[in-house]
C-alpha atoms as a PDB file:
ATOM      1  CA  MET A   1     121.710  -7.033 -19.117  1.00  0.00           C
ATOM      2  CA  ALA A   2     123.369 -10.277 -20.056  1.00  0.00           C
ATOM      3  CA  PRO A   3     126.934 -10.856 -18.810  1.00  0.00           C
ATOM      4  CA  GLY A   4     128.414 -10.309 -22.267  1.00  0.00           C
ATOM      5  CA  GLY A   5     126.032  -7.454 -23.082  1.00  0.00           C
ATOM      6  CA  ALA A   6     128.105  -4.749 -21.450  1.00  0.00           C
ATOM      7  CA  PHE A   7     131.160  -5.846 -23.413  1.00  0.00           C
ATOM      8  CA  LYS A   8     129.207  -5.741 -26.702  1.00  0.00           C
ATOM      9  CA  VAL A   9     128.036  -2.219 -25.933  1.00  0.00           C
ATOM     10  CA  PHE A  10     131.601  -1.183 -25.129  1.00  0.00           C
ATOM     11  CA  LEU A  11     132.849  -2.604 -28.433  1.00  0.00           C
ATOM     12  CA  GLN A  12     130.156  -0.682 -30.295  1.00  0.00           C
ATOM     13  CA  ALA A  13     131.156   2.528 -28.488  1.00  0.00           C
ATOM     14  CA  ILE A  14     134.875   2.328 -29.359  1.00  0.00           C
ATOM     15  CA  PRO A  15     134.644   4.382 -32.604  1.00  0.00           C
ATOM     16  CA  SER A  16     132.863   7.211 -30.790  1.00  0.00           C
ATOM     17  CA  LEU A  17     135.346   7.135 -27.939  1.00  0.00           C
ATOM     18  CA  LEU A  18     138.293   7.195 -30.340  1.00  0.00           C
ATOM     19  CA  LEU A  19     136.808  10.179 -32.153  1.00  0.00           C
ATOM     20  CA  ILE A  20     137.058  12.212 -28.954  1.00  0.00           C
ATOM     21  CA  VAL A  21     140.688  11.187 -28.507  1.00  0.00           C
ATOM     22  CA  VAL A  22     141.563  12.050 -32.114  1.00  0.00           C
ATOM     23  CA  VAL A  23     139.876  15.468 -32.003  1.00  0.00           C
ATOM     24  CA  VAL A  24     141.280  16.554 -28.638  1.00  0.00           C
ATOM     25  CA  GLY A  25     144.694  15.051 -29.407  1.00  0.00           C
ATOM     26  CA  GLY A  26     144.843  16.808 -32.762  1.00  0.00           C
ATOM     27  CA  ILE A  27     143.972  20.158 -31.213  1.00  0.00           C
ATOM     28  CA  VAL A  28     146.506  19.756 -28.395  1.00  0.00           C
ATOM     29  CA  ALA A  29     149.215  18.582 -30.809  1.00  0.00           C
ATOM     30  CA  GLY A  30     148.552  21.545 -33.090  1.00  0.00           C
ATOM     31  CA  VAL A  31     147.624  19.401 -36.073  1.00  0.00           C
ATOM     32  CA  PHE A  32     144.422  21.369 -36.573  1.00  0.00           C
ATOM     33  CA  THR A  33     142.408  24.154 -34.933  1.00  0.00           C
ATOM     34  CA  ALA A  34     139.341  23.724 -32.774  1.00  0.00           C
ATOM     35  CA  THR A  35     137.102  24.694 -35.689  1.00  0.00           C
ATOM     36  CA  GLU A  36     138.702  22.107 -37.950  1.00  0.00           C
ATOM     37  CA  GLY A  37     138.497  19.540 -35.162  1.00  0.00           C
ATOM     38  CA  ARG A  38     134.728  19.894 -35.078  1.00  0.00           C
ATOM     39  CA  ALA A  39     134.312  18.723 -38.683  1.00  0.00           C
ATOM     40  CA  PRO A  40     134.691  14.946 -38.137  1.00  0.00           C
ATOM     41  CA  GLN A  41     132.391  15.128 -35.161  1.00  0.00           C
ATOM     42  CA  CYS A  42     129.690  16.919 -37.135  1.00  0.00           C
ATOM     43  CA  SER A  43     130.026  14.544 -40.049  1.00  0.00           C
ATOM     44  CA  THR A  44     128.989  11.691 -37.759  1.00  0.00           C
ATOM     45  CA  ALA A  45     126.344  13.541 -35.725  1.00  0.00           C
ATOM     46  CA  SER A  46     123.004  14.578 -37.130  1.00  0.00           C
ATOM     47  CA  SER A  47     122.495  17.324 -34.554  1.00  0.00           C
ATOM     48  CA  CYS A  48     125.326  19.641 -35.660  1.00  0.00           C
ATOM     49  CA  ARG A  49     124.152  22.837 -37.238  1.00  0.00           C
ATOM     50  CA  SER A  50     126.050  25.653 -38.837  1.00  0.00           C
ATOM     51  CA  SER A  51     126.161  28.837 -36.795  1.00  0.00           C
ATOM     52  CA  THR A  52     125.156  30.724 -39.941  1.00  0.00           C
ATOM     53  CA  ALA A  53     122.071  28.603 -40.637  1.00  0.00           C
ATOM     54  CA  ALA A  54     118.802  30.490 -40.598  1.00  0.00           C
END
């Protein structure tokens, strides 16, 4: 990897890393429940499935 390559990858990963902080911080702060905290994560991930899906 090029010397600046790792930094570019880190910059691209910042939104995903912040999502974790926002979700966990919101749950701990009592802003929303764990179920509600999963919504932004599932809206950005294609692998989330509803537990009621057949």
